[in-house]
Amino acid sequence: MKQITEIFRRRSSLWLILELILVTIACWWAFDPVLVTGTVIRMNPGFDVDRMVKLNVSSTVTRLDIEEQQITTIPDEEEHLLQKVQELEDVVLAYRDVFNPIGVGDYGWSTYFYHDSDSLYACQYEFLKDSRMFEVYGIQSITPEVPTSELSHDCEWNEVILTRSMAMGLFGTIDVAGRSLISKVWGYLENGEYGRKNENYRIRAVVEDVRHHAWDRDLATVFKCSTGSSSSVPIIVRLREGVNAERFLESHKQQLQTEMTTEHCYIRDFQTARDAFQEDIDRIGVGGQMRRNLFIAAFFSVNIAFGVFGTLLMYTRQRREEAGVRRAFGATKWNVFWDFIREAWLLTTISVVIGCIIYFQFAAAKGLFDGFTSRNPAVHFWFDDFGTHFMVVSVIVYIIILCTVLLGTAIPAWRISRSEITESLREE
């Protein structure tokens, strides 16, 4: 208490507290979106991206050529291309996708699903019957009656598979196999008019959570069995245990470009699943937003560090005579040094608490950063709760500022505490 009183008696201490309060508010504004955005885009995708590659397939003929020349072999050729890919060394399984691969999906394939009076907005992903898609991605079944190896076998067009969070959000339980689900789709009604109609599904199984796309935070996905596939869709490859995806593509680059072809189809380009995931983040702007936020946070961090360092250097050096007097009356070097550190800790704590209280007034009125709102009540992150969100960011801001202040204090304090007593008093 005595040390706190002495701090407030010094004019230089009051100026330092005012500066640290402004620094706290600036750090809150800069770091909050970085922490929230970083949490979302670094969530576990739900499948092993390190052992997966994406091969983009193209055709040498256009859709118009296919119709005019009556070319009907494209689906068979793509299936043959898939078989050739599966025969490559280090390839465990390969899957010819229906539309966009999991992890790089699109909200365009999303809709509301209903159960009784409850509804939940979810992403819809179609997979081919008997395709072993779930094994390729490594998505695990949590329905004992339907193991992972049988998820795509003998499925019907009106059967769906839900993720854990989708089942919990809509039903409150994962034991939903055999129950019904409804979605509203656009189509022709019984009276011949075009409008929204109910489509009924039977739930076949539940699987572990998967991120349908890079910015998906609700983890609500409905897997639907498809009877057909579009042409020129990517091939997803799962590699053998211990095989690095980047090295695989590098070592098989020539083979993929020259040998993986049919009469009309070929591998256009390829990339690792991790790169495809990052590309999707950049495509929808979250990656750019994250980089902007990181740049702003880095800019503030550097300027704050230099500004606080300069102020602390002057503040500590001004007390060289005080340190010399204390040494003359018997204080050890370590006593003097730790007194500087303790005072810096008190200054920082007082300043950050005041700064956070000031920012709390703004947050209570305007809200905290919520660029990723949730529709699924079963999925809850630290930033969804106002109190937890505020405390987490406040603690991180406090740690960052405290480390900066302690480092800026320790360097001159260590030199002062080790200098000779006569030198300290003579300089003053």
Protein backbone atom coordinates (compact mmCIF):
# COMPACT_ATOMS: atom_id res chain seq x y z
CA MET A 1 0.00 0.00 0.00
CA LYS A 2 2.91 2.30 0.84
CA GLN A 3 4.48 1.65 -2.56
CA ILE A 4 1.19 2.46 -4.33
CA THR A 5 0.99 5.76 -2.42
CA GLU A 6 4.55 6.63 -3.43
CA ILE A 7 3.74 5.84 -7.07
CA PHE A 8 0.84 8.30 -7.17
CA ARG A 9 2.97 11.02 -5.56
CA ARG A 10 5.34 11.08 -8.52
CA ARG A 11 4.22 13.14 -11.51
CA SER A 12 6.21 10.92 -13.87
CA SER A 13 4.31 7.88 -12.55
CA LEU A 14 0.97 9.53 -13.30
CA TRP A 15 2.03 10.27 -16.88
CA LEU A 16 3.17 6.67 -17.29
CA ILE A 17 -0.16 5.36 -15.94
CA LEU A 18 -2.06 7.61 -18.38
CA GLU A 19 0.05 6.31 -21.28
CA LEU A 20 -0.50 2.67 -20.27
CA ILE A 21 -4.27 3.25 -20.00
CA LEU A 22 -4.32 4.51 -23.59
CA VAL A 23 -2.14 1.56 -24.62
CA THR A 24 -4.60 -0.86 -22.99
CA ILE A 25 -7.55 0.57 -24.90
CA ALA A 26 -5.60 0.48 -28.18
CA CYS A 27 -4.51 -3.12 -27.56
CA TRP A 28 -8.10 -4.16 -26.85
CA TRP A 29 -9.28 -2.64 -30.12
CA ALA A 30 -6.44 -4.26 -32.11
CA PHE A 31 -6.21 -7.72 -30.53
CA ASP A 32 -9.89 -8.64 -30.02
CA PRO A 33 -10.68 -9.36 -33.72
CA VAL A 34 -7.35 -11.16 -34.15
CA LEU A 35 -8.06 -13.56 -31.29
CA VAL A 36 -11.64 -14.33 -32.38
CA THR A 37 -10.83 -14.72 -36.09
CA GLY A 38 -7.74 -16.77 -35.30
CA THR A 39 -9.78 -19.11 -33.09
CA VAL A 40 -12.30 -19.81 -35.86
CA ILE A 41 -9.99 -20.35 -38.82
CA ARG A 42 -7.63 -22.53 -36.76
CA MET A 43 -10.33 -24.87 -35.52
CA ASN A 44 -9.77 -28.56 -36.13
CA PRO A 45 -11.23 -29.33 -39.60
CA GLY A 46 -12.33 -32.79 -38.47
CA PHE A 47 -10.21 -34.71 -40.97
CA ASP A 48 -6.49 -35.33 -41.51
CA VAL A 49 -5.45 -32.61 -43.98
CA ASP A 50 -1.77 -33.55 -43.67
CA ARG A 51 -2.29 -36.88 -45.46
CA MET A 52 -4.63 -35.65 -48.17
CA VAL A 53 -4.18 -34.12 -51.62
CA LYS A 54 -6.67 -32.64 -54.07
CA LEU A 55 -6.35 -33.42 -57.79
CA ASN A 56 -8.39 -31.12 -60.02
CA VAL A 57 -9.76 -32.89 -63.10
CA SER A 58 -10.54 -31.28 -66.46
CA SER A 59 -11.77 -32.46 -69.85
CA THR A 60 -10.41 -31.62 -73.31
CA VAL A 61 -13.96 -31.16 -74.63
CA THR A 62 -16.55 -28.58 -73.63
CA ARG A 63 -20.06 -29.32 -72.46
CA LEU A 64 -21.33 -28.13 -75.88
CA ASP A 65 -18.96 -30.54 -77.66
CA ILE A 66 -20.21 -33.38 -75.48
CA GLU A 67 -23.80 -32.67 -76.52
CA GLU A 68 -23.05 -32.13 -80.23
CA GLN A 69 -20.68 -35.08 -80.63
CA GLN A 70 -22.75 -37.25 -78.30
CA ILE A 71 -19.77 -38.15 -76.17
CA THR A 72 -21.05 -40.39 -73.38
CA THR A 73 -17.79 -41.80 -72.06
CA ILE A 74 -16.75 -38.88 -69.80
CA PRO A 75 -18.13 -40.40 -66.53
CA ASP A 76 -16.50 -43.77 -67.37
CA GLU A 77 -13.22 -42.06 -68.22
CA GLU A 78 -13.22 -40.15 -64.94
CA GLU A 79 -13.88 -43.41 -63.10
CA HIS A 80 -10.97 -44.99 -64.96
CA LEU A 81 -8.81 -41.99 -64.04
CA LEU A 82 -9.78 -42.52 -60.40
CA GLN A 83 -8.66 -46.14 -60.59
CA LYS A 84 -5.30 -45.10 -62.06
CA VAL A 85 -4.80 -42.64 -59.21
CA GLN A 86 -5.59 -45.35 -56.65
CA GLU A 87 -2.79 -47.48 -58.12
CA LEU A 88 -0.15 -44.82 -57.39
CA GLU A 89 2.47 -45.63 -54.79
CA ASP A 90 1.65 -44.40 -51.24
CA VAL A 91 -2.06 -43.91 -52.10
CA VAL A 92 -4.41 -45.68 -49.69
CA LEU A 93 -7.78 -44.52 -51.03
CA ALA A 94 -9.10 -42.04 -53.58
CA TYR A 95 -12.56 -40.51 -54.00
CA ARG A 96 -14.14 -38.66 -56.91
CA ASP A 97 -16.01 -35.78 -55.33
CA VAL A 98 -19.53 -34.72 -56.21
CA PHE A 99 -19.13 -30.95 -56.00
CA ASN A 100 -16.76 -29.01 -53.73
CA PRO A 101 -14.59 -31.06 -51.36
CA ILE A 102 -15.25 -30.92 -47.64
CA GLY A 103 -13.36 -28.02 -46.11
CA VAL A 104 -13.78 -25.82 -49.17
CA GLY A 105 -17.56 -25.89 -49.37
CA ASP A 106 -20.00 -23.09 -50.02
CA TYR A 107 -23.02 -21.61 -48.29
CA GLY A 108 -24.86 -22.11 -51.60
CA TRP A 109 -25.42 -25.73 -50.52
CA SER A 110 -26.90 -24.79 -47.18
CA THR A 111 -30.48 -24.68 -45.98
CA TYR A 112 -32.71 -24.99 -42.92
CA PHE A 113 -33.51 -28.47 -41.63
CA TYR A 114 -36.53 -29.09 -39.43
CA HIS A 115 -37.54 -31.50 -36.68
CA ASP A 116 -40.96 -30.89 -35.17
CA SER A 117 -40.97 -27.16 -34.37
CA ASP A 118 -37.19 -26.83 -34.21
CA SER A 119 -34.97 -25.79 -37.10
CA LEU A 120 -31.24 -25.43 -37.71
CA TYR A 121 -29.30 -23.94 -40.59
CA ALA A 122 -26.82 -26.51 -41.88
CA CYS A 123 -24.46 -27.16 -44.76
CA GLN A 124 -25.41 -29.93 -47.16
CA TYR A 125 -22.77 -32.18 -48.68
CA GLU A 126 -23.53 -34.90 -51.23
CA PHE A 127 -21.49 -38.07 -51.59
CA LEU A 128 -21.58 -40.97 -54.02
CA LYS A 129 -23.02 -44.34 -53.07
CA ASP A 130 -20.41 -47.04 -52.26
CA SER A 131 -17.62 -44.49 -52.67
CA ARG A 132 -15.82 -44.96 -49.30
CA MET A 133 -15.85 -41.17 -49.02
CA PHE A 134 -15.89 -41.21 -45.22
CA GLU A 135 -12.84 -43.48 -45.12
CA VAL A 136 -10.96 -41.22 -47.55
CA TYR A 137 -11.57 -38.20 -45.33
CA GLY A 138 -11.15 -40.16 -42.11
CA ILE A 139 -14.55 -39.12 -40.75
CA GLN A 140 -15.54 -41.47 -37.92
CA SER A 141 -19.01 -42.85 -37.30
CA ILE A 142 -20.38 -42.64 -33.75
CA THR A 143 -23.43 -44.80 -34.54
CA PRO A 144 -22.51 -48.38 -33.51
CA GLU A 145 -24.98 -49.96 -35.95
CA VAL A 146 -23.32 -48.25 -38.94
CA PRO A 147 -19.47 -48.35 -38.76
CA THR A 148 -17.34 -45.93 -40.80
CA SER A 149 -16.66 -48.52 -43.51
CA GLU A 150 -20.40 -48.89 -44.20
CA LEU A 151 -21.52 -45.26 -44.10
CA SER A 152 -21.69 -44.90 -47.90
CA HIS A 153 -22.71 -48.49 -48.66
CA ASP A 154 -26.27 -49.25 -49.77
CA CYS A 155 -27.41 -45.72 -48.95
CA GLU A 156 -30.59 -44.33 -50.48
CA TRP A 157 -31.26 -40.85 -51.88
CA ASN A 158 -33.60 -40.06 -48.96
CA GLU A 159 -31.08 -41.04 -46.26
CA VAL A 160 -28.80 -38.52 -44.55
CA ILE A 161 -25.91 -38.60 -42.09
CA LEU A 162 -25.53 -35.85 -39.49
CA THR A 163 -22.49 -34.49 -37.66
CA ARG A 164 -22.44 -34.68 -33.87
CA SER A 165 -23.11 -30.93 -33.42
CA MET A 166 -25.92 -31.01 -35.98
CA ALA A 167 -27.65 -33.84 -34.08
CA MET A 168 -27.12 -32.15 -30.71
CA GLY A 169 -28.32 -28.78 -31.97
CA LEU A 170 -31.54 -30.11 -33.50
CA PHE A 171 -32.37 -33.15 -31.35
CA GLY A 172 -30.33 -32.66 -28.17
CA THR A 173 -28.84 -36.15 -28.51
CA ILE A 174 -26.64 -38.17 -30.90
CA ASP A 175 -28.92 -41.21 -30.70
CA VAL A 176 -30.99 -40.18 -33.72
CA ALA A 177 -30.47 -43.03 -36.22
CA GLY A 178 -33.78 -43.94 -37.84
CA ARG A 179 -35.48 -40.65 -37.00
CA SER A 180 -36.83 -38.26 -39.62
CA LEU A 181 -35.62 -34.88 -40.83
CA ILE A 182 -37.25 -32.33 -43.13
CA SER A 183 -35.79 -29.66 -45.39
CA LYS A 184 -37.59 -27.12 -47.55
CA VAL A 185 -36.39 -27.12 -51.14
CA TRP A 186 -37.42 -25.27 -54.29
CA GLY A 187 -39.35 -27.38 -56.80
CA TYR A 188 -42.66 -27.98 -58.52
CA LEU A 189 -45.58 -28.49 -56.16
CA GLU A 190 -48.48 -30.91 -56.68
CA ASN A 191 -50.57 -28.12 -58.23
CA GLY A 192 -47.86 -27.50 -60.82
CA GLU A 193 -46.66 -24.24 -59.32
CA TYR A 194 -42.99 -23.62 -58.50
CA GLY A 195 -42.29 -23.03 -54.82
CA ARG A 196 -40.85 -24.43 -51.62
CA LYS A 197 -41.84 -27.95 -50.67
CA ASN A 198 -40.95 -30.35 -47.87
CA GLU A 199 -38.40 -33.06 -48.51
CA ASN A 200 -38.33 -35.87 -45.96
CA TYR A 201 -35.18 -37.73 -44.98
CA ARG A 202 -34.35 -40.68 -42.74
CA ILE A 203 -31.27 -40.28 -40.54
CA ARG A 204 -28.89 -43.16 -41.27
CA ALA A 205 -26.09 -42.37 -38.78
CA VAL A 206 -24.15 -39.67 -36.90
CA VAL A 207 -20.45 -38.89 -37.44
CA GLU A 208 -17.86 -36.80 -35.64
CA ASP A 209 -17.84 -33.06 -36.33
CA VAL A 210 -16.46 -31.82 -39.65
CA ARG A 211 -15.98 -28.26 -40.87
CA HIS A 212 -17.87 -27.99 -44.14
CA HIS A 213 -15.90 -24.87 -45.07
CA ALA A 214 -13.00 -22.91 -43.62
CA TRP A 215 -15.11 -20.35 -41.75
CA ASP A 216 -17.70 -22.85 -40.50
CA ARG A 217 -18.06 -22.53 -36.73
CA ASP A 218 -21.44 -24.22 -36.25
CA LEU A 219 -20.17 -27.70 -37.25
CA ALA A 220 -23.65 -28.50 -38.58
CA THR A 221 -23.38 -30.59 -41.75
CA VAL A 222 -25.83 -32.97 -43.39
CA PHE A 223 -24.30 -35.66 -45.64
CA LYS A 224 -26.71 -36.74 -48.35
CA CYS A 225 -26.38 -39.76 -50.63
CA SER A 226 -26.23 -38.74 -54.30
CA THR A 227 -27.31 -40.82 -57.29
CA GLY A 228 -25.14 -38.97 -59.80
CA SER A 229 -22.09 -36.78 -60.18
CA SER A 230 -21.03 -33.77 -62.17
CA SER A 231 -18.09 -34.03 -64.56
CA SER A 232 -14.66 -32.42 -63.98
CA VAL A 233 -14.92 -32.80 -60.22
CA PRO A 234 -11.79 -33.11 -58.06
CA ILE A 235 -10.30 -36.38 -56.85
CA ILE A 236 -9.47 -36.50 -53.15
CA VAL A 237 -6.58 -38.78 -52.22
CA ARG A 238 -5.67 -40.23 -48.82
CA LEU A 239 -2.01 -41.10 -48.43
CA ARG A 240 -0.30 -43.85 -46.52
CA GLU A 241 0.60 -43.26 -42.87
CA GLY A 242 3.80 -41.23 -42.57
CA VAL A 243 3.72 -39.88 -46.15
CA ASN A 244 3.98 -36.10 -46.43
CA ALA A 245 1.48 -34.58 -48.89
CA GLU A 246 3.89 -31.98 -50.30
CA ARG A 247 6.63 -34.55 -50.85
CA PHE A 248 4.14 -36.90 -52.48
CA LEU A 249 3.09 -34.25 -55.01
CA GLU A 250 6.70 -33.31 -55.70
CA SER A 251 7.82 -36.90 -56.28
CA HIS A 252 4.76 -37.78 -58.43
CA LYS A 253 4.50 -34.46 -60.29
CA GLN A 254 5.68 -35.85 -63.64
CA GLN A 255 3.55 -38.96 -63.29
CA LEU A 256 0.40 -36.98 -62.49
CA GLN A 257 0.91 -34.67 -65.46
CA THR A 258 1.76 -37.28 -68.11
CA GLU A 259 0.34 -40.67 -67.08
CA MET A 260 -2.88 -39.75 -65.29
CA THR A 261 -4.88 -39.15 -68.48
CA THR A 262 -7.62 -40.76 -70.55
CA GLU A 263 -8.91 -39.93 -74.02
CA HIS A 264 -10.73 -36.80 -72.87
CA CYS A 265 -9.80 -36.32 -69.17
CA TYR A 266 -6.62 -35.32 -67.38
CA ILE A 267 -5.29 -33.95 -64.08
CA ARG A 268 -5.29 -30.16 -64.56
CA ASP A 269 -3.45 -29.26 -61.37
CA PHE A 270 -3.04 -30.48 -57.81
CA GLN A 271 -2.45 -29.20 -54.30
CA THR A 272 -2.37 -30.40 -50.74
CA ALA A 273 -5.62 -30.40 -48.78
CA ARG A 274 -4.07 -27.94 -46.34
CA ASP A 275 -3.30 -25.49 -49.17
CA ALA A 276 -6.85 -25.91 -50.51
CA PHE A 277 -8.22 -25.16 -47.05
CA GLN A 278 -6.07 -22.01 -46.79
CA GLU A 279 -7.09 -20.98 -50.30
CA ASP A 280 -10.74 -21.14 -49.26
CA ILE A 281 -10.00 -18.95 -46.25
CA ASP A 282 -8.46 -16.36 -48.57
CA ARG A 283 -11.23 -16.71 -51.17
CA ILE A 284 -14.03 -15.61 -48.88
CA GLY A 285 -12.02 -12.81 -47.32
CA VAL A 286 -11.47 -14.24 -43.83
CA GLY A 287 -7.79 -14.74 -44.59
CA GLY A 288 -7.46 -11.15 -45.80
CA GLN A 289 -9.35 -9.91 -42.76
CA MET A 290 -7.08 -11.94 -40.51
CA ARG A 291 -3.95 -10.54 -42.17
CA ARG A 292 -5.27 -6.98 -41.86
CA ASN A 293 -6.04 -7.53 -38.20
CA LEU A 294 -2.62 -9.08 -37.64
CA PHE A 295 -0.95 -6.15 -39.41
CA ILE A 296 -2.83 -3.65 -37.25
CA ALA A 297 -2.01 -5.62 -34.10
CA ALA A 298 1.66 -5.90 -35.11
CA PHE A 299 1.79 -2.18 -35.92
CA PHE A 300 0.35 -1.31 -32.53
CA SER A 301 2.63 -3.80 -30.78
CA VAL A 302 5.78 -2.35 -32.34
CA ASN A 303 4.78 1.26 -31.70
CA ILE A 304 3.60 0.45 -28.19
CA ALA A 305 6.84 -1.38 -27.44
CA PHE A 306 9.01 1.53 -28.64
CA GLY A 307 6.83 4.14 -26.93
CA VAL A 308 6.65 2.30 -23.61
CA PHE A 309 10.35 1.40 -23.77
CA GLY A 310 11.30 5.06 -24.24
CA THR A 311 9.06 6.25 -21.44
CA LEU A 312 10.24 3.55 -19.05
CA LEU A 313 13.88 4.23 -19.89
CA MET A 314 13.47 7.89 -18.93
CA TYR A 315 11.31 7.02 -15.91
CA THR A 316 13.83 4.53 -14.53
CA ARG A 317 16.90 6.65 -15.20
CA GLN A 318 15.33 9.61 -13.38
CA ARG A 319 15.47 7.51 -10.24
CA ARG A 320 19.19 6.75 -10.43
CA GLU A 321 19.89 9.03 -7.43
CA GLU A 322 17.19 7.28 -5.39
CA ALA A 323 18.82 3.95 -6.17
CA GLY A 324 22.23 5.32 -5.13
CA VAL A 325 20.87 6.61 -1.82
CA ARG A 326 19.24 3.26 -1.05
CA ARG A 327 22.48 1.45 -1.84
CA ALA A 328 24.35 3.84 0.49
CA PHE A 329 21.98 2.91 3.33
CA GLY A 330 22.61 -0.81 2.92
CA ALA A 331 20.17 -2.00 0.21
CA THR A 332 21.58 -4.75 -1.98
CA LYS A 333 21.69 -4.68 -5.78
CA TRP A 334 18.90 -7.26 -5.92
CA ASN A 335 16.73 -5.24 -3.49
CA VAL A 336 17.00 -2.19 -5.74
CA PHE A 337 16.40 -4.19 -8.92
CA TRP A 338 13.31 -6.03 -7.61
CA ASP A 339 11.86 -2.80 -6.25
CA PHE A 340 11.94 -1.38 -9.78
CA ILE A 341 10.30 -4.54 -11.14
CA ARG A 342 7.65 -4.58 -8.41
CA GLU A 343 6.78 -0.95 -9.06
CA ALA A 344 6.54 -1.61 -12.81
CA TRP A 345 4.18 -4.52 -12.10
CA LEU A 346 1.97 -2.33 -9.89
CA LEU A 347 1.91 0.48 -12.47
CA THR A 348 0.93 -1.94 -15.22
CA THR A 349 -1.76 -3.68 -13.18
CA ILE A 350 -3.38 -0.40 -12.10
CA SER A 351 -3.25 0.99 -15.66
CA VAL A 352 -4.63 -2.12 -17.36
CA VAL A 353 -7.47 -2.46 -14.85
CA ILE A 354 -8.48 1.18 -15.43
CA GLY A 355 -8.10 0.77 -19.22
CA CYS A 356 -10.24 -2.38 -19.26
CA ILE A 357 -12.92 -0.69 -17.15
CA ILE A 358 -13.04 2.18 -19.65
CA TYR A 359 -13.23 -0.23 -22.62
CA PHE A 360 -15.93 -2.22 -20.82
CA GLN A 361 -18.22 0.80 -21.03
CA PHE A 362 -17.79 0.82 -24.81
CA ALA A 363 -18.15 -2.99 -25.09
CA ALA A 364 -21.33 -3.01 -23.03
CA ALA A 365 -22.90 -0.45 -25.38
CA LYS A 366 -21.50 -1.60 -28.76
CA GLY A 367 -20.66 -5.24 -28.06
CA LEU A 368 -17.42 -7.17 -28.55
CA PHE A 369 -16.15 -8.49 -31.88
CA ASP A 370 -18.65 -11.09 -33.17
CA GLY A 371 -17.76 -11.62 -36.81
CA PHE A 372 -18.74 -15.30 -36.51
CA THR A 373 -22.22 -15.52 -35.06
CA SER A 374 -23.66 -18.94 -34.22
CA ARG A 375 -26.90 -20.54 -35.34
CA ASN A 376 -26.24 -23.83 -33.56
CA PRO A 377 -27.08 -23.80 -29.82
CA ALA A 378 -24.97 -26.96 -29.31
CA VAL A 379 -21.71 -25.21 -30.30
CA HIS A 380 -20.28 -22.73 -27.83
CA PHE A 381 -16.88 -21.01 -27.86
CA TRP A 382 -15.20 -18.76 -25.33
CA PHE A 383 -16.06 -15.63 -27.33
CA ASP A 384 -19.80 -16.44 -27.39
CA ASP A 385 -20.19 -15.49 -23.72
CA PHE A 386 -19.69 -11.77 -23.07
CA GLY A 387 -18.12 -12.23 -19.64
CA THR A 388 -15.71 -14.96 -20.72
CA HIS A 389 -14.88 -13.08 -23.93
CA PHE A 390 -14.05 -9.91 -22.01
CA MET A 391 -11.96 -11.73 -19.38
CA VAL A 392 -9.94 -13.78 -21.89
CA VAL A 393 -8.99 -10.77 -24.04
CA SER A 394 -8.31 -8.64 -20.96
CA VAL A 395 -5.92 -11.25 -19.55
CA ILE A 396 -4.08 -11.55 -22.88
CA VAL A 397 -3.82 -7.76 -23.20
CA TYR A 398 -2.54 -7.61 -19.61
CA ILE A 399 0.11 -10.27 -20.25
CA ILE A 400 1.33 -8.56 -23.44
CA ILE A 401 1.59 -5.11 -21.81
CA LEU A 402 3.10 -6.54 -18.62
CA CYS A 403 5.83 -8.39 -20.53
CA THR A 404 6.62 -5.21 -22.49
CA VAL A 405 6.76 -3.04 -19.37
CA LEU A 406 8.84 -5.51 -17.35
CA LEU A 407 11.34 -5.88 -20.18
CA GLY A 408 11.52 -2.11 -20.64
CA THR A 409 12.08 -1.68 -16.90
CA ALA A 410 14.46 -4.57 -16.31
CA ILE A 411 17.15 -3.42 -18.77
CA PRO A 412 17.85 0.06 -17.26
CA ALA A 413 17.04 -1.14 -13.71
CA TRP A 414 19.66 -3.89 -13.96
CA ARG A 415 22.30 -1.40 -15.09
CA ILE A 416 21.41 1.10 -12.36
CA SER A 417 21.38 -1.53 -9.60
CA ARG A 418 24.83 -2.80 -10.63
CA SER A 419 26.47 0.64 -10.95
CA GLU A 420 28.72 1.98 -8.21
CA ILE A 421 27.07 4.09 -5.51
CA THR A 422 29.39 7.05 -6.07
CA GLU A 423 28.69 7.02 -9.80
CA SER A 424 24.92 7.08 -9.26
CA LEU A 425 25.14 10.04 -6.87
CA ARG A 426 27.77 11.91 -8.93
CA GLU A 427 25.65 11.76 -12.15
CA GLU A 428 22.78 13.41 -10.33
